[in-house]
N, C-alpha and C. Protein backbone atom coordinates (compact mmCIF):
# COMPACT_ATOMS: atom_id res chain seq x y z
N MET A 1 178.40 -38.91 6.63
CA MET A 1 178.56 -38.99 8.07
C MET A 1 178.26 -37.64 8.73
N ILE A 2 178.83 -36.58 8.17
CA ILE A 2 178.61 -35.25 8.75
C ILE A 2 177.15 -34.84 8.58
N ASN A 3 176.57 -35.12 7.40
CA ASN A 3 175.17 -34.76 7.18
C ASN A 3 174.24 -35.49 8.14
N SER A 4 174.50 -36.77 8.36
CA SER A 4 173.64 -37.53 9.27
C SER A 4 173.80 -37.02 10.70
N ARG A 5 175.01 -36.65 11.07
CA ARG A 5 175.25 -36.10 12.41
C ARG A 5 174.52 -34.76 12.57
N ASN A 6 174.60 -33.92 11.54
CA ASN A 6 173.89 -32.63 11.58
C ASN A 6 172.38 -32.84 11.67
N LEU A 7 171.90 -33.83 10.94
CA LEU A 7 170.47 -34.14 10.98
C LEU A 7 170.05 -34.58 12.38
N ILE A 8 170.87 -35.39 13.01
CA ILE A 8 170.58 -35.84 14.38
C ILE A 8 170.56 -34.65 15.33
N TYR A 9 171.54 -33.78 15.23
CA TYR A 9 171.58 -32.59 16.09
C TYR A 9 170.37 -31.69 15.86
N THR A 10 170.00 -31.54 14.60
CA THR A 10 168.83 -30.72 14.27
C THR A 10 167.57 -31.32 14.88
N ASN A 11 167.42 -32.64 14.78
CA ASN A 11 166.26 -33.31 15.37
C ASN A 11 166.24 -33.15 16.89
N ILE A 12 167.39 -33.26 17.51
CA ILE A 12 167.48 -33.10 18.97
C ILE A 12 167.09 -31.68 19.36
N LEU A 13 167.57 -30.69 18.62
CA LEU A 13 167.23 -29.30 18.91
C LEU A 13 165.74 -29.05 18.72
N ASP A 14 165.16 -29.65 17.67
CA ASP A 14 163.72 -29.51 17.45
C ASP A 14 162.94 -30.11 18.61
N LEU A 15 163.35 -31.30 19.06
CA LEU A 15 162.68 -31.95 20.17
C LEU A 15 162.81 -31.12 21.44
N THR A 16 163.99 -30.55 21.66
CA THR A 16 164.23 -29.74 22.84
C THR A 16 163.36 -28.48 22.81
N ALA A 17 163.25 -27.85 21.66
CA ALA A 17 162.42 -26.65 21.52
C ALA A 17 160.95 -26.99 21.75
N ASP A 18 160.51 -28.12 21.20
CA ASP A 18 159.12 -28.55 21.41
C ASP A 18 158.85 -28.83 22.87
N ARG A 19 159.78 -29.49 23.52
CA ARG A 19 159.62 -29.82 24.94
C ARG A 19 159.60 -28.54 25.78
N GLU A 20 160.47 -27.59 25.44
CA GLU A 20 160.51 -26.32 26.17
C GLU A 20 159.17 -25.59 26.02
N GLU A 21 158.65 -25.57 24.80
CA GLU A 21 157.37 -24.92 24.55
C GLU A 21 156.26 -25.61 25.34
N GLN A 22 156.30 -26.93 25.37
CA GLN A 22 155.30 -27.71 26.12
C GLN A 22 155.39 -27.40 27.62
N LEU A 23 156.59 -27.33 28.14
CA LEU A 23 156.77 -27.04 29.57
C LEU A 23 156.33 -25.62 29.91
N LEU A 24 156.63 -24.66 29.04
CA LEU A 24 156.20 -23.28 29.27
C LEU A 24 154.67 -23.17 29.28
N LYS A 25 154.02 -23.91 28.37
CA LYS A 25 152.56 -23.91 28.34
C LYS A 25 152.01 -24.53 29.62
N GLU A 26 152.64 -25.61 30.06
CA GLU A 26 152.20 -26.26 31.30
C GLU A 26 152.35 -25.32 32.50
N ILE A 27 153.44 -24.57 32.54
CA ILE A 27 153.67 -23.60 33.62
C ILE A 27 152.59 -22.52 33.59
N ARG A 28 152.28 -22.00 32.39
CA ARG A 28 151.22 -20.98 32.28
C ARG A 28 149.88 -21.53 32.77
N ASP A 29 149.57 -22.77 32.38
CA ASP A 29 148.31 -23.38 32.80
C ASP A 29 148.26 -23.56 34.31
N LEU A 30 149.36 -24.00 34.90
CA LEU A 30 149.40 -24.20 36.35
C LEU A 30 149.27 -22.87 37.10
N LYS A 31 149.91 -21.83 36.58
CA LYS A 31 149.79 -20.51 37.21
C LYS A 31 148.36 -20.00 37.13
N ALA A 32 147.70 -20.24 36.00
CA ALA A 32 146.30 -19.82 35.85
C ALA A 32 145.40 -20.57 36.83
N LYS A 33 145.64 -21.87 36.98
CA LYS A 33 144.86 -22.66 37.93
C LYS A 33 145.09 -22.17 39.36
N LEU A 34 146.33 -21.84 39.67
CA LEU A 34 146.65 -21.34 41.01
C LEU A 34 145.93 -20.02 41.28
N ARG A 35 145.97 -19.11 40.31
CA ARG A 35 145.27 -17.83 40.47
C ARG A 35 143.77 -18.04 40.65
N GLU A 36 143.20 -18.95 39.86
CA GLU A 36 141.77 -19.24 39.98
C GLU A 36 141.45 -19.81 41.35
N ARG A 37 142.28 -20.70 41.83
CA ARG A 37 142.07 -21.30 43.16
C ARG A 37 142.17 -20.24 44.25
N GLU A 38 143.14 -19.32 44.12
CA GLU A 38 143.28 -18.25 45.11
C GLU A 38 142.04 -17.36 45.14
N VAL A 39 141.49 -17.06 43.96
CA VAL A 39 140.28 -16.25 43.88
C VAL A 39 139.11 -16.99 44.52
N GLN A 40 139.00 -18.29 44.25
CA GLN A 40 137.92 -19.08 44.84
C GLN A 40 138.02 -19.11 46.36
N ILE A 41 139.23 -19.24 46.87
CA ILE A 41 139.44 -19.27 48.33
C ILE A 41 139.06 -17.91 48.93
N ALA A 42 139.51 -16.83 48.30
CA ALA A 42 139.18 -15.49 48.80
C ALA A 42 137.66 -15.27 48.78
N PHE A 43 137.01 -15.71 47.72
CA PHE A 43 135.56 -15.56 47.61
C PHE A 43 134.86 -16.38 48.70
N SER A 44 135.33 -17.60 48.93
CA SER A 44 134.73 -18.45 49.97
C SER A 44 134.90 -17.83 51.35
N LYS A 45 136.08 -17.28 51.61
CA LYS A 45 136.31 -16.63 52.90
C LYS A 45 135.37 -15.45 53.09
N LYS A 46 135.17 -14.69 52.01
CA LYS A 46 134.28 -13.53 52.09
C LYS A 46 132.84 -13.98 52.35
N LEU A 47 132.41 -15.04 51.69
CA LEU A 47 131.05 -15.55 51.92
C LEU A 47 130.87 -16.02 53.36
N ILE A 48 131.88 -16.69 53.90
CA ILE A 48 131.82 -17.15 55.29
C ILE A 48 131.76 -15.95 56.22
N GLU A 49 132.58 -14.94 55.94
CA GLU A 49 132.58 -13.73 56.76
C GLU A 49 131.20 -13.07 56.75
N ILE A 50 130.60 -12.98 55.58
CA ILE A 50 129.28 -12.36 55.47
C ILE A 50 128.23 -13.20 56.20
N SER A 51 128.29 -14.51 56.04
CA SER A 51 127.28 -15.36 56.69
C SER A 51 127.45 -15.39 58.20
N ASN A 52 128.64 -15.11 58.69
CA ASN A 52 128.88 -15.11 60.13
C ASN A 52 128.53 -13.79 60.81
N ARG A 53 128.23 -12.78 60.03
CA ARG A 53 127.86 -11.49 60.63
C ARG A 53 126.53 -11.64 61.37
N GLU A 54 126.47 -10.99 62.48
CA GLU A 54 125.23 -11.03 63.25
C GLU A 54 124.38 -9.82 62.90
N VAL A 55 123.09 -10.05 62.79
CA VAL A 55 122.16 -8.95 62.59
C VAL A 55 121.75 -8.47 63.97
N LYS A 56 122.08 -7.24 64.29
CA LYS A 56 121.87 -6.73 65.64
C LYS A 56 120.43 -6.30 65.88
N ARG A 57 119.79 -5.74 64.87
CA ARG A 57 118.41 -5.26 65.04
C ARG A 57 117.55 -5.82 63.90
N PRO A 58 116.29 -6.07 64.19
CA PRO A 58 115.39 -6.56 63.13
C PRO A 58 115.28 -5.57 61.97
N ASN A 59 115.46 -4.29 62.23
CA ASN A 59 115.38 -3.29 61.15
C ASN A 59 116.49 -3.47 60.13
N ASP A 60 117.61 -4.07 60.56
CA ASP A 60 118.72 -4.30 59.64
C ASP A 60 118.34 -5.29 58.55
N ILE A 61 117.43 -6.20 58.86
CA ILE A 61 117.02 -7.20 57.88
C ILE A 61 116.28 -6.53 56.72
N LYS A 62 115.43 -5.57 57.03
CA LYS A 62 114.64 -4.89 56.00
C LYS A 62 115.53 -4.20 54.98
N ARG A 63 116.64 -3.76 55.43
CA ARG A 63 117.57 -3.03 54.57
C ARG A 63 118.06 -3.91 53.41
N PHE A 64 118.18 -5.21 53.63
CA PHE A 64 118.72 -6.10 52.62
C PHE A 64 117.65 -6.71 51.73
N LYS A 65 116.40 -6.60 52.12
CA LYS A 65 115.31 -7.14 51.30
C LYS A 65 114.97 -6.15 50.21
N LYS A 66 114.55 -6.67 49.08
CA LYS A 66 114.19 -5.81 47.95
C LYS A 66 112.70 -5.75 47.81
């Protein structure tokens, strides 16, 4: 009886540890996705800012051509 009870507790602890590890991995993955999304948003904003700039003089265009 005691051995079977200990075995049950051990199995529960193993399941709990596995679940905790799974949840921690999921949290890391979600944080990485969030960081990637934030970088994409910042990059998009910068592209929009650049595309919205006005070229004041035709000579400014030559500066960007290679």
